[in-house]
PDB file of N, CA and C in Angstrom:
ATOM      1  N   MET A   1     108.215  95.103 105.938  1.00  0.00           N
ATOM      2  CA  MET A   1     107.470  94.030 104.860  1.00  0.00           C
ATOM      3  C   MET A   1     108.305  93.512 104.077  1.00  0.00           C
ATOM      4  N   THR A   2     107.954  92.067 104.079  1.00  0.00           N
ATOM      5  CA  THR A   2     108.707  91.124 103.039  1.00  0.00           C
ATOM      6  C   THR A   2     107.766  91.414 101.921  1.00  0.00           C
ATOM      7  N   ALA A   3     108.429  90.974 100.791  1.00  0.00           N
ATOM      8  CA  ALA A   3     107.367  91.002  99.460  1.00  0.00           C
ATOM      9  C   ALA A   3     106.120  90.229  99.717  1.00  0.00           C
ATOM     10  N   GLU A   4     106.345  89.199 100.404  1.00  0.00           N
ATOM     11  CA  GLU A   4     105.017  88.462 100.514  1.00  0.00           C
ATOM     12  C   GLU A   4     103.789  89.135 101.368  1.00  0.00           C
ATOM     13  N   GLU A   5     104.431  89.488 102.341  1.00  0.00           N
ATOM     14  CA  GLU A   5     103.553  90.539 103.207  1.00  0.00           C
ATOM     15  C   GLU A   5     102.699  91.507 102.468  1.00  0.00           C
ATOM     16  N   VAL A   6     103.642  92.181 101.772  1.00  0.00           N
ATOM     17  CA  VAL A   6     103.029  93.187 100.665  1.00  0.00           C
ATOM     18  C   VAL A   6     102.139  92.681  99.992  1.00  0.00           C
ATOM     19  N   ARG A   7     102.381  91.693  99.204  1.00  0.00           N
ATOM     20  CA  ARG A   7     101.454  90.909  98.165  1.00  0.00           C
ATOM     21  C   ARG A   7     100.157  90.444  99.110  1.00  0.00           C
ATOM     22  N   LEU A   8     100.247  89.795 100.330  1.00  0.00           N
ATOM     23  CA  LEU A   8      99.096  89.598 100.975  1.00  0.00           C
ATOM     24  C   LEU A   8      98.215  90.948 101.475  1.00  0.00           C
ATOM     25  N   ASN A   9      98.923  91.821 102.069  1.00  0.00           N
ATOM     26  CA  ASN A   9      98.067  93.406 102.402  1.00  0.00           C
ATOM     27  C   ASN A   9      97.407  93.727 101.257  1.00  0.00           C
ATOM     28  N   VAL A  10      98.155  94.009  99.894  1.00  0.00           N
ATOM     29  CA  VAL A  10      97.335  94.322  98.549  1.00  0.00           C
ATOM     30  C   VAL A  10      96.334  93.397  98.475  1.00  0.00           C
ATOM     31  N   GLU A  11      96.156  92.326  98.451  1.00  0.00           N
ATOM     32  CA  GLU A  11      95.326  91.620  98.339  1.00  0.00           C
ATOM     33  C   GLU A  11      94.205  91.573  99.519  1.00  0.00           C
ATOM     34  N   LYS A  12      94.485  91.925 100.573  1.00  0.00           N
ATOM     35  CA  LYS A  12      93.164  92.420 101.830  1.00  0.00           C
ATOM     36  C   LYS A  12      92.679  93.589 101.019  1.00  0.00           C
ATOM     37  N   ALA A  13      93.451  94.688 100.649  1.00  0.00           N
ATOM     38  CA  ALA A  13      93.043  95.852 100.118  1.00  0.00           C
ATOM     39  C   ALA A  13      91.808  95.643  99.000  1.00  0.00           C
ATOM     40  N   LEU A  14      92.421  94.942  97.889  1.00  0.00           N
ATOM     41  CA  LEU A  14      91.360  94.539  97.005  1.00  0.00           C
ATOM     42  C   LEU A  14      90.321  93.908  97.363  1.00  0.00           C
ATOM     43  N   ASP A  15      90.388  92.815  98.432  1.00  0.00           N
ATOM     44  CA  ASP A  15      89.078  92.387  98.821  1.00  0.00           C
ATOM     45  C   ASP A  15      88.127  93.286  99.509  1.00  0.00           C
ATOM     46  N   GLU A  16      88.820  94.619 100.113  1.00  0.00           N
ATOM     47  CA  GLU A  16      87.854  95.387 100.709  1.00  0.00           C
ATOM     48  C   GLU A  16      86.983  96.110  99.513  1.00  0.00           C
ATOM     49  N   ILE A  17      87.548  96.399  98.633  1.00  0.00           N
ATOM     50  CA  ILE A  17      87.146  97.111  97.467  1.00  0.00           C
ATOM     51  C   ILE A  17      86.565  96.313  96.298  1.00  0.00           C
ATOM     52  N   ARG A  18      86.480  94.939  96.368  1.00  0.00           N
ATOM     53  CA  ARG A  18      85.981  94.206  95.409  1.00  0.00           C
ATOM     54  C   ARG A  18      84.416  94.381  95.330  1.00  0.00           C
ATOM     55  N   PRO A  19      83.843  94.398  96.595  1.00  0.00           N
ATOM     56  CA  PRO A  19      82.301  94.293  96.585  1.00  0.00           C
ATOM     57  C   PRO A  19      81.714  95.373  96.402  1.00  0.00           C
ATOM     58  N   PHE A  20      82.133  96.683  95.953  1.00  0.00           N
ATOM     59  CA  PHE A  20      81.885  97.804  95.519  1.00  0.00           C
ATOM     60  C   PHE A  20      81.912  97.868  94.007  1.00  0.00           C
ATOM     61  N   LEU A  21      82.963  97.407  93.542  1.00  0.00           N
ATOM     62  CA  LEU A  21      83.010  97.251  92.329  1.00  0.00           C
ATOM     63  C   LEU A  21      82.095  96.175  91.747  1.00  0.00           C
ATOM     64  N   GLN A  22      82.027  95.124  92.343  1.00  0.00           N
ATOM     65  CA  GLN A  22      81.140  94.149  91.572  1.00  0.00           C
ATOM     66  C   GLN A  22      79.817  94.588  91.963  1.00  0.00           C
ATOM     67  N   SER A  23      79.096  95.276  92.704  1.00  0.00           N
ATOM     68  CA  SER A  23      78.287  95.750  92.830  1.00  0.00           C
ATOM     69  C   SER A  23      77.716  96.805  91.298  1.00  0.00           C
ATOM     70  N   ASP A  24      78.796  97.306  90.822  1.00  0.00           N
ATOM     71  CA  ASP A  24      78.256  97.934  89.606  1.00  0.00           C
ATOM     72  C   ASP A  24      78.684  97.187  88.428  1.00  0.00           C
ATOM     73  N   GLY A  25      78.904  95.656  88.500  1.00  0.00           N
ATOM     74  CA  GLY A  25      79.015  94.646  87.302  1.00  0.00           C
ATOM     75  C   GLY A  25      80.812  94.780  86.905  1.00  0.00           C
ATOM     76  N   GLY A  26      81.407  95.343  87.961  1.00  0.00           N
ATOM     77  CA  GLY A  26      82.750  95.103  87.762  1.00  0.00           C
ATOM     78  C   GLY A  26      83.997  94.469  88.790  1.00  0.00           C
ATOM     79  N   ASP A  27      84.906  94.234  88.452  1.00  0.00           N
ATOM     80  CA  ASP A  27      85.888  93.408  89.168  1.00  0.00           C
ATOM     81  C   ASP A  27      87.221  94.134  89.079  1.00  0.00           C
ATOM     82  N   ILE A  28      88.015  93.590  89.809  1.00  0.00           N
ATOM     83  CA  ILE A  28      89.456  94.043  89.592  1.00  0.00           C
ATOM     84  C   ILE A  28      90.301  92.752  90.093  1.00  0.00           C
ATOM     85  N   SER A  29      91.764  92.739  89.306  1.00  0.00           N
ATOM     86  CA  SER A  29      92.249  91.499  89.622  1.00  0.00           C
ATOM     87  C   SER A  29      93.789  91.998  89.950  1.00  0.00           C
ATOM     88  N   LEU A  30      94.677  91.733  90.723  1.00  0.00           N
ATOM     89  CA  LEU A  30      96.317  91.817  90.885  1.00  0.00           C
ATOM     90  C   LEU A  30      96.880  91.138  89.939  1.00  0.00           C
ATOM     91  N   LEU A  31      97.607  91.936  89.341  1.00  0.00           N
ATOM     92  CA  LEU A  31      98.559  91.537  88.088  1.00  0.00           C
ATOM     93  C   LEU A  31     100.087  91.312  88.692  1.00  0.00           C
ATOM     94  N   SER A  32     100.498  92.616  89.499  1.00  0.00           N
ATOM     95  CA  SER A  32     101.800  92.271  89.792  1.00  0.00           C
ATOM     96  C   SER A  32     102.490  93.240  90.808  1.00  0.00           C
ATOM     97  N   ILE A  33     103.212  93.344  91.459  1.00  0.00           N
ATOM     98  CA  ILE A  33     104.020  94.182  92.598  1.00  0.00           C
ATOM     99  C   ILE A  33     105.368  94.361  92.037  1.00  0.00           C
ATOM    100  N   GLU A  34     105.756  95.423  91.617  1.00  0.00           N
ATOM    101  CA  GLU A  34     106.884  96.005  91.154  1.00  0.00           C
ATOM    102  C   GLU A  34     107.743  97.039  91.707  1.00  0.00           C
ATOM    103  N   GLU A  35     108.986  97.138  91.058  1.00  0.00           N
ATOM    104  CA  GLU A  35     109.902  98.277  91.519  1.00  0.00           C
ATOM    105  C   GLU A  35     109.943  98.352  93.062  1.00  0.00           C
ATOM    106  N   ASN A  36     110.392  97.541  93.455  1.00  0.00           N
ATOM    107  CA  ASN A  36     110.608  97.187  94.809  1.00  0.00           C
ATOM    108  C   ASN A  36     109.602  97.507  95.824  1.00  0.00           C
ATOM    109  N   ASP A  37     108.345  97.027  95.526  1.00  0.00           N
ATOM    110  CA  ASP A  37     107.359  96.981  96.234  1.00  0.00           C
ATOM    111  C   ASP A  37     106.854  98.344  96.071  1.00  0.00           C
ATOM    112  N   THR A  38     106.758  99.289  95.394  1.00  0.00           N
ATOM    113  CA  THR A  38     106.222 100.678  95.319  1.00  0.00           C
ATOM    114  C   THR A  38     105.213 100.978  94.071  1.00  0.00           C
ATOM    115  N   LEU A  39     105.198  99.888  93.227  1.00  0.00           N
ATOM    116  CA  LEU A  39     103.997  99.809  92.232  1.00  0.00           C
ATOM    117  C   LEU A  39     103.357  98.606  91.889  1.00  0.00           C
ATOM    118  N   VAL A  40     102.006  98.953  92.169  1.00  0.00           N
ATOM    119  CA  VAL A  40     101.204  97.926  91.855  1.00  0.00           C
ATOM    120  C   VAL A  40     100.520  97.964  90.440  1.00  0.00           C
ATOM    121  N   LYS A  41     100.391  96.926  89.546  1.00  0.00           N
ATOM    122  CA  LYS A  41      99.638  96.554  88.403  1.00  0.00           C
ATOM    123  C   LYS A  41      98.478  95.768  88.838  1.00  0.00           C
ATOM    124  N   VAL A  42      96.960  96.466  88.251  1.00  0.00           N
ATOM    125  CA  VAL A  42      95.950  95.877  88.273  1.00  0.00           C
ATOM    126  C   VAL A  42      95.295  95.850  86.839  1.00  0.00           C
ATOM    127  N   GLN A  43      94.229  94.982  87.073  1.00  0.00           N
ATOM    128  CA  GLN A  43      93.383  94.969  85.751  1.00  0.00           C
ATOM    129  C   GLN A  43      91.956  95.296  86.067  1.00  0.00           C
ATOM    130  N   LEU A  44      91.349  96.510  85.649  1.00  0.00           N
ATOM    131  CA  LEU A  44      90.176  96.506  85.964  1.00  0.00           C
ATOM    132  C   LEU A  44      89.110  95.663  84.894  1.00  0.00           C
ATOM    133  N   GLN A  45      88.189  95.143  85.331  1.00  0.00           N
ATOM    134  CA  GLN A  45      87.536  93.922  84.693  1.00  0.00           C
ATOM    135  C   GLN A  45      86.035  94.077  84.468  1.00  0.00           C
ATOM    136  N   GLY A  46      85.337  93.736  83.617  1.00  0.00           N
ATOM    137  CA  GLY A  46      83.568  93.692  83.503  1.00  0.00           C
ATOM    138  C   GLY A  46      83.384  95.358  83.404  1.00  0.00           C
ATOM    139  N   ALA A  47      82.267  95.833  83.920  1.00  0.00           N
ATOM    140  CA  ALA A  47      81.864  96.944  83.688  1.00  0.00           C
ATOM    141  C   ALA A  47      82.804  98.206  83.964  1.00  0.00           C
ATOM    142  N   CYS A  48      83.854  97.796  84.517  1.00  0.00           N
ATOM    143  CA  CYS A  48      85.073  98.897  85.020  1.00  0.00           C
ATOM    144  C   CYS A  48      85.783  99.129  83.835  1.00  0.00           C
ATOM    145  N   VAL A  49      85.534  98.294  82.825  1.00  0.00           N
ATOM    146  CA  VAL A  49      86.483  98.432  81.880  1.00  0.00           C
ATOM    147  C   VAL A  49      86.098  99.657  80.674  1.00  0.00           C
ATOM    148  N   GLY A  50      84.785  99.795  80.611  1.00  0.00           N
ATOM    149  CA  GLY A  50      84.520 101.145  79.484  1.00  0.00           C
ATOM    150  C   GLY A  50      84.048 102.130  80.429  1.00  0.00           C
ATOM    151  N   CYS A  51      84.120 101.928  81.782  1.00  0.00           N
ATOM    152  CA  CYS A  51      83.477 103.301  82.532  1.00  0.00           C
ATOM    153  C   CYS A  51      84.368 104.490  82.311  1.00  0.00           C
ATOM    154  N   SER A  52      83.387 105.811  82.372  1.00  0.00           N
ATOM    155  CA  SER A  52      84.173 106.832  82.235  1.00  0.00           C
ATOM    156  C   SER A  52      84.513 107.407  83.650  1.00  0.00           C
ATOM    157  N   VAL A  53      84.603 106.877  84.650  1.00  0.00           N
ATOM    158  CA  VAL A  53      84.754 107.190  85.624  1.00  0.00           C
ATOM    159  C   VAL A  53      86.226 106.260  86.436  1.00  0.00           C
ATOM    160  N   ASN A  54      86.326 105.115  85.500  1.00  0.00           N
ATOM    161  CA  ASN A  54      87.566 104.334  86.169  1.00  0.00           C
ATOM    162  C   ASN A  54      88.640 104.756  86.510  1.00  0.00           C
ATOM    163  N   GLN A  55      89.309 105.903  86.044  1.00  0.00           N
ATOM    164  CA  GLN A  55      90.474 106.530  86.675  1.00  0.00           C
ATOM    165  C   GLN A  55      90.253 106.944  87.939  1.00  0.00           C
ATOM    166  N   MET A  56      89.229 107.624  88.071  1.00  0.00           N
ATOM    167  CA  MET A  56      88.782 108.297  89.297  1.00  0.00           C
ATOM    168  C   MET A  56      88.789 107.055  90.595  1.00  0.00           C
ATOM    169  N   THR A  57      87.979 106.065  90.332  1.00  0.00           N
ATOM    170  CA  THR A  57      87.996 104.643  91.088  1.00  0.00           C
ATOM    171  C   THR A  57      89.245 104.190  91.345  1.00  0.00           C
ATOM    172  N   LEU A  58      90.048 103.990  90.493  1.00  0.00           N
ATOM    173  CA  LEU A  58      91.659 103.583  90.540  1.00  0.00           C
ATOM    174  C   LEU A  58      92.011 104.290  91.379  1.00  0.00           C
ATOM    175  N   LYS A  59      92.021 105.801  91.171  1.00  0.00           N
ATOM    176  CA  LYS A  59      92.938 106.653  92.212  1.00  0.00           C
ATOM    177  C   LYS A  59      92.335 106.972  93.589  1.00  0.00           C
ATOM    178  N   SER A  60      90.943 107.076  93.448  1.00  0.00           N
ATOM    179  CA  SER A  60      90.360 107.439  94.717  1.00  0.00           C
ATOM    180  C   SER A  60      89.883 106.252  95.641  1.00  0.00           C
ATOM    181  N   GLY A  61      89.563 105.240  95.040  1.00  0.00           N
ATOM    182  CA  GLY A  61      89.174 104.033  95.755  1.00  0.00           C
ATOM    183  C   GLY A  61      89.972 102.955  95.943  1.00  0.00           C
ATOM    184  N   VAL A  62      90.768 102.642  94.464  1.00  0.00           N
ATOM    185  CA  VAL A  62      91.656 101.492  94.550  1.00  0.00           C
ATOM    186  C   VAL A  62      92.934 101.772  95.436  1.00  0.00           C
ATOM    187  N   GLU A  63      93.544 102.884  94.684  1.00  0.00           N
ATOM    188  CA  GLU A  63      95.217 103.418  95.364  1.00  0.00           C
ATOM    189  C   GLU A  63      95.023 103.845  96.640  1.00  0.00           C
ATOM    190  N   MET A  64      94.013 104.428  97.012  1.00  0.00           N
ATOM    191  CA  MET A  64      93.948 105.076  98.296  1.00  0.00           C
ATOM    192  C   MET A  64      93.765 103.852  99.473  1.00  0.00           C
ATOM    193  N   THR A  65      93.112 102.849  99.137  1.00  0.00           N
ATOM    194  CA  THR A  65      92.855 101.461 100.001  1.00  0.00           C
ATOM    195  C   THR A  65      94.105 100.675  99.930  1.00  0.00           C
ATOM    196  N   ILE A  66      94.517 100.773  98.882  1.00  0.00           N
ATOM    197  CA  ILE A  66      95.893  99.950  98.837  1.00  0.00           C
ATOM    198  C   ILE A  66      96.781 100.383  99.836  1.00  0.00           C
ATOM    199  N   LYS A  67      96.845 101.965  99.723  1.00  0.00           N
ATOM    200  CA  LYS A  67      98.108 102.576 100.348  1.00  0.00           C
ATOM    201  C   LYS A  67      97.766 102.385 101.982  1.00  0.00           C
ATOM    202  N   LYS A  68      96.420 102.435 102.315  1.00  0.00           N
ATOM    203  CA  LYS A  68      96.053 102.083 103.765  1.00  0.00           C
ATOM    204  C   LYS A  68      96.613 100.939 104.396  1.00  0.00           C
ATOM    205  N   TYR A  69      96.763  99.919 103.299  1.00  0.00           N
ATOM    206  CA  TYR A  69      97.568  98.543 103.961  1.00  0.00           C
ATOM    207  C   TYR A  69      99.003  98.506 103.681  1.00  0.00           C
ATOM    208  N   VAL A  70      99.110  99.161 102.719  1.00  0.00           N
ATOM    209  CA  VAL A  70     100.768  99.005 102.202  1.00  0.00           C
ATOM    210  C   VAL A  70     101.099 100.465 101.884  1.00  0.00           C
ATOM    211  N   PRO A  71     101.707 101.257 103.101  1.00  0.00           N
ATOM    212  CA  PRO A  71     101.921 102.633 102.783  1.00  0.00           C
ATOM    213  C   PRO A  71     103.143 102.843 101.838  1.00  0.00           C
ATOM    214  N   GLN A  72     103.841 102.131 101.672  1.00  0.00           N
ATOM    215  CA  GLN A  72     104.913 102.193 100.787  1.00  0.00           C
ATOM    216  C   GLN A  72     104.627 102.364  99.495  1.00  0.00           C
ATOM    217  N   ILE A  73     103.451 101.640  98.936  1.00  0.00           N
ATOM    218  CA  ILE A  73     102.946 101.658  97.697  1.00  0.00           C
ATOM    219  C   ILE A  73     102.914 103.086  97.363  1.00  0.00           C
ATOM    220  N   GLU A  74     103.758 103.448  96.003  1.00  0.00           N
ATOM    221  CA  GLU A  74     103.480 105.000  95.552  1.00  0.00           C
ATOM    222  C   GLU A  74     102.448 105.253  94.323  1.00  0.00           C
ATOM    223  N   GLN A  75     102.017 104.118  93.506  1.00  0.00           N
ATOM    224  CA  GLN A  75     101.592 104.243  92.361  1.00  0.00           C
ATOM    225  C   GLN A  75     100.338 102.791  92.395  1.00  0.00           C
ATOM    226  N   VAL A  76      99.542 103.047  91.684  1.00  0.00           N
ATOM    227  CA  VAL A  76      98.720 101.763  91.309  1.00  0.00           C
ATOM    228  C   VAL A  76      98.379 102.127  89.989  1.00  0.00           C
ATOM    229  N   ILE A  77      98.314 101.310  89.090  1.00  0.00           N
ATOM    230  CA  ILE A  77      98.286 101.490  87.498  1.00  0.00           C
ATOM    231  C   ILE A  77      97.412 100.329  87.027  1.00  0.00           C
ATOM    232  N   ASN A  78      96.276 100.668  86.050  1.00  0.00           N
ATOM    233  CA  ASN A  78      95.544  99.675  85.479  1.00  0.00           C
ATOM    234  C   ASN A  78      95.984  99.406  83.829  1.00  0.00           C
ATOM    235  N   ILE A  79      96.126  98.249  83.884  1.00  0.00           N
ATOM    236  CA  ILE A  79      96.710  97.618  82.696  1.00  0.00           C
ATOM    237  C   ILE A  79      95.720  96.936  81.821  1.00  0.00           C
ATOM    238  N   GLU A  80      95.369  97.918  80.730  1.00  0.00           N
ATOM    239  CA  GLU A  80      93.866  96.990  80.073  1.00  0.00           C
ATOM    240  C   GLU A  80      94.353  95.935  79.395  1.00  0.00           C
ATOM    241  N   ALA A  81      93.296  95.111  79.230  1.00  0.00           N
ATOM    242  CA  ALA A  81      93.347  93.801  78.604  1.00  0.00           C
ATOM    243  C   ALA A  81      93.636  93.930  77.044  1.00  0.00           C
TER     244      ALA A  81
END
């Protein structure tokens, strides 16, 4: 996959999970894809920022969905504002 294809597929994954986050008053944005397209940096927003289960959401929801679209992604991390 080219870098552009990786970015497009990560965005597709985020589009898939975004409605679930928005239904709870949150959202997510893509900040960057780094380290030879294996690390994705995102920023949880809205209600997700102070939520006690946001790390579970990040790993079980966001990371799993991104890996479904882009298997070479090894890690997804949240960068707090």
